[in-house]
Protein backbone atom coordinates (compact mmCIF):
# COMPACT_ATOMS: atom_id res chain seq x y z
CA MET A 1 15.20 100.39 -92.21
CA MET A 2 12.33 98.74 -90.43
CA GLN A 3 9.29 100.99 -90.29
CA ARG A 4 7.02 101.35 -87.29
CA ILE A 5 4.18 99.86 -89.33
CA PHE A 6 5.73 96.48 -88.65
CA ALA A 7 7.14 97.09 -85.24
CA VAL A 8 6.41 93.48 -84.46
CA ALA A 9 8.56 91.64 -86.92
CA PHE A 10 11.40 91.94 -84.53
CA PHE A 11 11.18 90.23 -81.24
CA THR A 12 12.00 87.09 -79.33
CA ILE A 13 11.34 85.59 -75.91
CA VAL A 14 10.87 82.35 -74.14
CA PHE A 15 7.40 81.04 -73.61
CA THR A 16 5.37 77.94 -72.78
CA MET A 17 1.82 78.31 -71.52
CA THR A 18 0.71 75.52 -69.26
CA ALA A 19 -1.41 75.22 -66.19
CA LYS A 20 -0.04 77.06 -63.19
CA SER A 21 1.12 74.96 -60.26
CA THR A 22 -0.71 75.44 -57.04
CA ASN A 23 2.74 75.52 -55.45
CA ALA A 24 4.16 78.12 -57.83
CA SER A 25 7.84 78.75 -57.22
CA GLN A 26 9.19 82.24 -56.79
CA PRO A 27 10.83 83.79 -59.84
CA ALA A 28 14.52 83.03 -60.18
CA ASN A 29 17.14 85.81 -60.45
CA LEU A 30 20.38 85.70 -62.42
CA PRO A 31 23.21 88.27 -62.58
CA GLY A 32 22.57 91.11 -65.01
CA LEU A 33 18.81 91.31 -64.41
CA ILE A 34 17.79 94.96 -64.89
CA SER A 35 14.04 94.70 -64.53
CA ARG A 36 11.28 92.15 -64.12
CA TRP A 37 7.61 93.02 -64.40
CA SER A 38 5.87 90.02 -62.85
CA GLY A 39 2.27 91.12 -63.32
CA GLU A 40 1.25 90.34 -59.74
CA ASN A 41 -1.84 92.58 -59.91
CA ASN A 42 0.42 95.58 -60.51
CA ALA A 43 2.97 96.93 -62.98
CA LEU A 44 5.82 97.20 -60.48
CA ASP A 45 9.38 96.29 -61.39
CA ASP A 46 10.34 93.96 -58.56
CA VAL A 47 14.07 94.22 -59.31
CA GLY A 48 15.18 97.65 -60.54
CA GLY A 49 12.41 100.02 -59.54
CA HIS A 50 11.42 100.86 -63.13
CA ASP A 51 7.70 100.71 -62.44
CA GLY A 52 5.17 100.83 -65.24
CA THR A 53 1.72 102.28 -65.74
CA LEU A 54 -1.23 100.33 -67.11
CA GLN A 55 -3.13 101.80 -70.05
CA GLY A 56 -6.20 100.61 -71.93
CA GLY A 57 -7.29 96.98 -71.93
CA VAL A 58 -4.92 95.39 -69.43
CA SER A 59 -6.10 93.03 -66.70
CA TYR A 60 -4.64 90.05 -64.85
CA THR A 61 -4.97 86.31 -65.22
CA GLN A 62 -3.40 83.16 -63.82
CA GLY A 63 0.18 82.96 -65.03
CA LYS A 64 3.10 80.56 -64.86
CA VAL A 65 4.39 82.16 -61.66
CA GLY A 66 1.52 83.70 -59.74
CA ASP A 67 -0.43 86.12 -61.93
CA ALA A 68 0.26 87.54 -65.40
CA PHE A 69 -0.65 90.56 -67.51
CA LEU A 70 -3.60 89.90 -69.82
CA ILE A 71 -3.46 92.18 -72.88
CA ASP A 72 -6.70 92.59 -74.86
CA GLY A 73 -5.30 92.87 -78.40
CA GLU A 74 -6.91 96.30 -78.82
CA THR A 75 -5.68 99.06 -76.49
CA GLY A 76 -3.86 97.38 -73.62
CA LYS A 77 -0.24 98.07 -72.73
CA ILE A 78 2.15 98.80 -69.87
CA ILE A 79 4.27 101.94 -70.24
CA VAL A 80 7.66 102.21 -68.52
CA PRO A 81 9.59 105.54 -68.64
CA ASP A 82 12.99 105.36 -70.27
CA SER A 83 16.11 104.98 -68.14
CA PRO A 84 19.89 104.94 -68.74
CA ALA A 85 19.73 101.33 -67.52
CA PHE A 86 17.84 100.47 -70.72
CA GLU A 87 20.56 101.88 -73.00
CA LEU A 88 21.95 98.46 -73.90
CA THR A 89 24.29 98.93 -76.85
CA ASP A 90 26.07 95.57 -76.83
CA SER A 91 24.58 92.44 -75.26
CA LEU A 92 21.10 91.87 -73.87
CA THR A 93 18.49 89.24 -73.11
CA ILE A 94 14.70 89.54 -73.16
CA SER A 95 12.70 86.74 -71.58
CA CYS A 96 9.15 85.99 -70.49
CA TRP A 97 6.41 83.43 -70.28
CA LEU A 98 3.97 83.98 -73.10
CA PHE A 99 0.45 82.77 -73.89
CA ILE A 100 -0.63 83.86 -77.36
CA ASN A 101 -4.38 83.98 -77.86
CA ARG A 102 -4.06 85.31 -81.41
CA ASN A 103 -0.87 85.82 -83.40
CA ASN A 104 -1.89 89.24 -84.66
CA GLY A 105 1.46 90.96 -85.20
CA GLY A 106 1.53 92.41 -81.71
CA VAL A 107 4.30 93.88 -79.58
CA ILE A 108 5.43 91.90 -76.56
CA PHE A 109 8.33 94.10 -75.45
CA PHE A 110 9.59 97.27 -77.11
CA ARG A 111 12.05 100.10 -76.46
CA GLY A 112 11.85 103.19 -78.62
CA ASP A 113 10.55 106.72 -79.03
CA ALA A 114 8.17 108.42 -81.45
CA ARG A 115 10.63 108.29 -84.36
CA PRO A 116 9.73 105.50 -86.82
CA GLY A 117 12.46 102.96 -87.47
CA LEU A 118 14.65 103.90 -84.50
CA ASP A 119 13.81 101.00 -82.21
CA PRO A 120 16.83 99.61 -80.31
CA TYR A 121 15.30 96.26 -79.38
CA ALA A 122 11.91 94.60 -79.45
CA LEU A 123 10.10 91.30 -79.27
CA GLY A 124 6.71 90.48 -80.74
CA THR A 125 4.54 88.26 -82.92
CA ASP A 126 4.63 88.63 -86.70
CA GLY A 127 1.03 87.76 -87.56
CA ASN A 128 2.16 84.61 -89.40
CA GLY A 129 2.69 82.13 -86.59
CA SER A 130 6.15 83.25 -85.52
CA ILE A 131 7.86 85.19 -82.79
CA ALA A 132 10.12 88.04 -83.93
CA PHE A 133 13.24 89.52 -82.33
CA HIS A 134 14.43 92.95 -83.51
CA ILE A 135 17.68 94.85 -83.02
CA GLY A 136 18.00 98.39 -84.44
CA SER A 137 20.83 100.90 -84.69
CA ALA A 138 20.63 104.46 -86.03
CA THR A 139 21.25 103.17 -89.57
CA ASP A 140 20.36 99.48 -89.77
CA ASN A 141 18.12 96.71 -88.41
CA GLU A 142 18.27 92.97 -87.92
CA ASP A 143 15.24 90.71 -87.44
CA LEU A 144 15.09 87.06 -86.42
CA PHE A 145 11.98 84.86 -86.57
CA ALA A 146 10.97 81.51 -85.08
CA PRO A 147 7.68 79.57 -85.22
CA ILE A 148 5.66 79.51 -82.01
CA THR A 149 2.46 77.77 -80.96
CA SER A 150 -0.54 79.81 -79.88
CA GLY A 151 -2.97 78.70 -77.19
CA GLU A 152 -0.39 77.43 -74.71
CA TRP A 153 2.27 78.80 -72.39
CA ASN A 154 5.76 79.08 -73.84
CA PHE A 155 8.94 80.40 -72.26
CA VAL A 156 10.52 82.72 -74.82
CA THR A 157 14.03 84.09 -74.60
CA ALA A 158 15.72 86.42 -77.07
CA VAL A 159 19.49 86.90 -76.79
CA LEU A 160 21.95 89.28 -78.45
CA ASP A 161 25.60 88.47 -77.78
CA GLY A 162 27.60 91.58 -78.62
CA THR A 163 30.89 89.68 -78.51
CA THR A 164 30.00 87.03 -81.09
CA GLY A 165 27.30 88.96 -82.95
CA LEU A 166 24.85 86.09 -82.47
CA MET A 167 21.12 86.76 -82.19
CA LYS A 168 19.24 83.77 -80.79
CA ILE A 169 15.69 82.77 -79.98
CA TYR A 170 14.95 80.05 -77.45
CA ILE A 171 11.52 78.56 -76.85
CA ASN A 172 11.16 76.51 -73.68
CA ALA A 173 14.96 76.62 -73.31
CA SER A 174 15.55 75.03 -76.74
CA LEU A 175 17.44 77.02 -79.37
CA VAL A 176 15.06 77.40 -82.32
CA ALA A 177 16.62 80.19 -84.41
CA GLN A 178 19.87 82.13 -84.67
CA THR A 179 21.73 84.47 -86.99
CA THR A 180 24.88 86.58 -86.96
CA THR A 181 24.60 90.36 -87.11
CA THR A 182 26.81 93.41 -87.01
CA VAL A 183 23.91 95.58 -85.83
CA ARG A 184 24.05 96.82 -82.25
CA PRO A 185 21.20 98.55 -80.42
CA LEU A 186 20.84 102.31 -80.47
CA GLY A 187 21.60 103.74 -77.03
CA PRO A 188 20.15 107.11 -75.96
CA LEU A 189 16.72 108.07 -77.28
CA ASP A 190 15.25 111.54 -77.76
CA PRO A 191 13.87 112.70 -74.39
CA ALA A 192 11.46 115.02 -76.18
CA LEU A 193 9.79 112.14 -78.05
CA THR A 194 8.35 110.07 -75.18
CA PRO A 195 11.04 107.39 -75.06
CA GLY A 196 10.47 104.29 -72.99
CA ILE A 197 9.49 100.66 -72.88
CA GLY A 198 6.14 99.30 -73.95
CA ILE A 199 4.90 95.89 -72.82
CA GLY A 200 2.04 94.67 -74.99
CA ASN A 201 2.36 97.58 -77.44
CA VAL A 202 4.70 100.40 -78.41
CA ALA A 203 4.80 103.14 -75.83
CA ASP A 204 3.54 106.12 -77.82
CA PHE A 205 0.40 104.91 -79.67
CA ASN A 206 -1.93 101.94 -80.13
CA LEU A 207 -1.23 100.06 -83.33
CA PHE A 208 0.38 96.71 -82.56
CA THR A 209 -1.36 95.50 -79.39
CA PHE A 210 -0.49 91.98 -78.27
CA ASP A 211 -3.36 89.53 -77.72
CA GLY A 212 -2.67 87.17 -74.84
CA ALA A 213 -0.91 86.88 -71.48
CA ILE A 214 2.63 87.91 -70.51
CA ASP A 215 4.30 86.75 -67.30
CA GLU A 216 7.71 87.45 -65.72
CA MET A 217 8.69 90.00 -68.39
CA SER A 218 12.46 90.37 -67.85
CA LEU A 219 15.36 92.37 -69.30
CA TYR A 220 19.06 91.53 -68.76
CA ASN A 221 22.13 93.59 -69.62
CA ARG A 222 24.07 90.57 -70.88
CA ALA A 223 23.66 87.48 -73.04
CA LEU A 224 22.36 84.57 -71.00
CA THR A 225 23.76 81.14 -71.79
CA GLN A 226 21.55 78.22 -72.70
CA ALA A 227 22.36 76.62 -69.34
CA GLU A 228 21.08 79.73 -67.58
CA ILE A 229 17.96 79.78 -69.75
CA LYS A 230 17.32 76.13 -68.89
CA PHE A 231 17.68 77.03 -65.22
CA LEU A 232 15.09 79.80 -65.55
CA PHE A 233 12.76 77.54 -67.51
CA GLY A 234 12.98 74.82 -64.88
CA ALA A 235 12.85 77.15 -61.89
CA ASN A 236 9.59 78.70 -63.05
CA SER A 237 8.02 75.49 -64.36
CA ARG A 238 5.56 73.32 -62.51
CA LEU A 239 7.00 69.84 -61.98
CA THR A 240 5.77 68.05 -65.09
CA ILE A 241 6.63 64.86 -66.95
CA ILE A 242 6.82 65.79 -70.62
CA THR A 243 8.06 62.44 -72.00
CA GLN A 244 6.68 59.23 -70.48
CA PRO A 245 8.63 55.93 -70.40
CA GLN A 246 7.45 53.61 -73.18
CA SER A 247 6.53 49.91 -73.11
CA GLN A 248 8.98 47.63 -74.88
CA GLU A 249 9.51 44.08 -76.07
CA ALA A 250 13.00 42.60 -75.82
CA LYS A 251 14.80 39.37 -76.52
CA PRO A 252 16.60 37.59 -73.67
CA GLY A 253 20.08 39.03 -73.23
CA SER A 254 19.39 42.27 -75.09
CA ALA A 255 19.79 45.76 -73.62
CA VAL A 256 16.73 47.78 -72.62
CA VAL A 257 16.58 51.51 -71.84
CA PHE A 258 13.65 53.28 -70.19
CA SER A 259 13.80 57.07 -70.04
CA VAL A 260 11.70 59.96 -68.80
CA GLY A 261 11.68 63.67 -69.63
CA ALA A 262 10.63 66.15 -66.95
CA VAL A 263 10.79 69.86 -66.12
CA GLY A 264 10.62 71.50 -62.72
CA MET A 265 12.72 73.32 -60.17
CA ALA A 266 16.33 72.15 -60.44
CA PRO A 267 17.72 69.84 -59.27
CA LEU A 268 15.31 67.10 -60.27
CA LYS A 269 15.57 63.72 -58.54
CA TYR A 270 14.54 60.34 -59.92
CA GLN A 271 13.65 56.96 -58.43
CA TRP A 272 12.78 54.11 -60.76
CA ARG A 273 10.43 51.35 -59.63
CA PHE A 274 9.80 47.77 -60.74
CA ASN A 275 6.30 46.47 -60.09
CA GLY A 276 5.83 49.35 -57.65
CA ILE A 277 9.02 48.70 -55.64
CA ASN A 278 12.02 51.06 -55.67
CA ILE A 279 15.05 49.80 -57.61
CA PRO A 280 18.20 50.49 -55.53
CA GLY A 281 20.57 52.91 -57.26
CA ALA A 282 18.18 53.65 -60.14
CA ILE A 283 18.20 57.41 -59.61
CA LYS A 284 18.90 58.87 -63.06
CA SER A 285 16.55 60.03 -65.81
CA SER A 286 17.25 56.78 -67.70
CA LEU A 287 17.11 53.19 -66.49
CA VAL A 288 19.37 50.73 -68.32
CA ILE A 289 18.92 46.95 -68.14
CA GLN A 290 22.06 45.58 -69.73
CA HIS A 291 20.97 41.95 -70.30
CA ALA A 292 17.23 41.52 -70.02
CA GLN A 293 15.97 38.18 -68.72
CA LYS A 294 12.51 36.76 -68.08
CA PHE A 295 12.62 37.91 -64.45
CA ASN A 296 13.00 41.51 -65.69
CA ALA A 297 9.59 41.36 -67.37
CA GLY A 298 7.02 43.53 -65.61
CA SER A 299 5.94 47.10 -64.97
CA TYR A 300 8.37 50.02 -64.72
CA SER A 301 7.70 53.57 -63.53
CA VAL A 302 9.67 56.49 -62.13
CA VAL A 303 9.00 59.02 -59.38
CA VAL A 304 10.36 62.48 -60.24
CA SER A 305 10.71 65.05 -57.46
CA ASP A 306 11.91 68.60 -56.84
CA ALA A 307 11.64 71.09 -54.00
CA THR A 308 7.91 71.58 -54.64
CA GLY A 309 6.80 67.95 -54.62
CA LYS A 310 6.85 64.75 -56.63
CA ILE A 311 5.07 63.16 -59.56
CA THR A 312 4.88 59.56 -60.81
CA SER A 313 5.14 58.54 -64.44
CA ASN A 314 2.85 56.19 -66.31
CA ASN A 315 3.67 52.50 -66.11
CA ALA A 316 5.71 51.03 -68.95
CA THR A 317 5.69 47.28 -69.53
CA LEU A 318 8.72 45.21 -70.43
CA ALA A 319 7.98 41.92 -72.17
CA VAL A 320 10.95 39.58 -72.51
CA VAL A 321 10.10 37.27 -75.39
CA PRO A 322 12.35 34.39 -76.47
CA ALA A 323 13.56 34.64 -80.03
CA ALA A 324 11.22 32.74 -82.33
CA PRO A 325 10.83 32.32 -86.08
CA PRO A 326 7.73 33.70 -87.78
CA VAL A 327 4.49 31.77 -87.56
CA ILE A 328 1.65 32.76 -89.86
CA ILE A 329 -1.55 33.12 -87.86
CA ILE A 330 -3.90 34.52 -90.50
CA PRO A 331 -2.91 33.78 -94.11
CA PRO A 332 -4.08 35.74 -97.16
CA THR A 333 -7.50 34.68 -98.47
CA ASP A 334 -8.97 34.14 -101.94
CA HIS A 335 -10.72 36.93 -103.85
CA PHE A 336 -13.32 36.91 -106.64
CA LEU A 337 -13.47 40.39 -108.15
CA PHE A 338 -14.51 42.24 -111.29
CA PRO A 339 -12.08 44.18 -113.51
CA GLY A 340 -11.40 47.68 -112.17
CA ALA A 341 -11.92 46.67 -108.54
CA THR A 342 -9.22 46.74 -105.84
CA ALA A 343 -7.83 43.58 -104.25
CA VAL A 344 -6.36 43.67 -100.74
CA PHE A 345 -4.34 40.71 -99.45
CA SER A 346 -3.03 40.68 -95.87
CA VAL A 347 -1.16 38.41 -93.50
CA VAL A 348 -0.83 38.25 -89.71
CA ALA A 349 2.25 36.60 -88.23
CA ARG A 350 3.80 36.29 -84.81
CA GLY A 351 7.42 35.82 -83.82
CA SER A 352 10.44 37.90 -82.92
CA THR A 353 10.46 41.41 -84.24
CA PRO A 354 11.36 43.05 -86.50
CA MET A 355 9.76 41.04 -89.28
CA THR A 356 10.01 41.69 -93.00
CA TYR A 357 7.62 40.74 -95.79
CA GLN A 358 7.91 39.84 -99.46
CA TRP A 359 4.85 39.19 -101.60
CA LEU A 360 4.93 36.78 -104.54
CA PHE A 361 2.76 36.50 -107.66
CA ASN A 362 2.72 33.03 -109.17
CA GLY A 363 5.91 32.35 -107.22
CA ARG A 364 7.74 35.45 -108.48
CA ILE A 365 8.80 38.41 -106.35
CA ILE A 366 6.62 41.52 -106.63
CA PRO A 367 9.08 44.45 -106.44
CA GLY A 368 8.32 46.87 -103.62
CA ALA A 369 5.63 44.65 -102.04
CA ASN A 370 7.22 44.56 -98.58
CA SER A 371 4.50 45.18 -96.01
CA SER A 372 1.96 42.94 -94.30
CA THR A 373 -0.68 44.17 -96.75
CA LEU A 374 -0.69 44.03 -100.55
CA VAL A 375 -3.06 46.38 -102.41
CA LEU A 376 -3.80 45.87 -106.11
CA PRO A 377 -5.92 48.71 -107.55
CA ARG A 378 -7.70 48.79 -110.94
CA LEU A 379 -7.60 45.06 -111.54
CA THR A 380 -7.29 43.54 -115.01
CA ARG A 381 -7.26 39.93 -116.13
CA ALA A 382 -3.46 40.07 -116.01
CA ASN A 383 -3.69 40.22 -112.21
CA ALA A 384 -5.42 36.85 -111.96
CA GLY A 385 -3.24 34.19 -110.34
CA LEU A 386 -1.74 32.98 -107.09
CA TYR A 387 -0.51 35.32 -104.35
CA SER A 388 1.59 34.39 -101.33
CA VAL A 389 3.91 36.10 -98.88
CA VAL A 390 7.23 35.24 -97.26
CA VAL A 391 7.60 36.49 -93.66
CA MET A 392 11.15 36.67 -92.28
CA ASN A 393 12.99 37.58 -89.08
CA SER A 394 16.39 36.86 -87.57
CA GLN A 395 15.26 33.36 -86.56
CA GLY A 396 13.88 32.12 -89.84
CA MET A 397 11.08 32.45 -92.35
CA ALA A 398 7.54 31.30 -93.08
CA ILE A 399 5.68 31.11 -96.39
CA SER A 400 1.94 31.57 -96.50
CA ARG A 401 -0.56 29.51 -98.46
CA GLN A 402 -1.25 30.67 -101.99
CA ALA A 403 -4.37 32.78 -102.28
CA HIS A 404 -6.30 32.80 -105.55
CA LEU A 405 -7.27 36.04 -107.25
CA ASN A 406 -10.05 35.32 -109.70
CA ILE A 407 -11.12 38.01 -112.17
CA LEU A 408 -14.77 37.62 -113.05
CA ALA A 409 -16.40 38.44 -116.33
CA SER A 410 -17.10 42.16 -116.70
CA GLN A 411 -20.32 43.41 -115.15
CA ARG A 412 -23.04 44.23 -117.66
């Protein structure tokens, strides 16, 4: 039975702390939403009327959607009186945007009363770099953990599916942890023991205070799907490119794919550009050039847009380079070194990529010497001799000059 002294090792939400958009979208609603405490300079529930009361060190800060609760890590919390609507004994979802200042083993969201170990559901940090999702019945508990990054916004979602028994944690709409459980949440609590919900700490005393910001704290009476979680993540995210298209080098006739990753208010729209001019029909998150030719060489970018605005990616350059055999530009050079020193031979070659390398010693293959640099530590006289390298690609090969390694008489 989990004891109250670690009433944080059991929680999960969805979080991703990033700068707030100046055109912040309104929070999105999905069926089954019981309550949402948005932290807009008050503790009101803007869905179900289950309003909270601020206690201790709670203030407000810029959040992902408007403002957010800022919990001080000492005494701050929001207390919400218990309600039959919170008696979720089968499926449920807890979600919020979270900014962890310090992973101190603090409560993010908690339902319970003054009895230790009888906590139906909770979400928190574990003090060891993870988020924790807890489900508790009258006789048993189940806890699920997932690593989370402090110092940035994250969208945390914790899901219990009563039909399948799956407990899941999503961070930024990606599934990061799951387990199967037979535990189902305890329903009614003892009305004489101050039952209720605590945001930022347990409701009845100050022991596990969260340190950071909480935005759009939400409770659902069903298990949200990953598609729904992705919708919430995008709907409450500022339009942002998270994966930029990358520059590439290609051979004539080969296929090239540029791609972009973005989040924002669904649906997202895309328009790829070549040298600053729109490419007709190139309106997906990936741009495919089936048979690259010299005239395809240039600068590629993409404009991503949603209902709040648009953003342009970085430029990515495509170089279409004819297939060519290796040419050695800078061969390995001679060395004159004392015993015990380290010799470093290197080669620079140009030609079609990928290229492979094989170093030789007195014309014999050196096993495992397959990079553009050869390092020989702790030299002895046995290392003296001739070193060369064979550079190969699909078009041919080139052999470097032989470089002399001379081992000098020992220093006195």
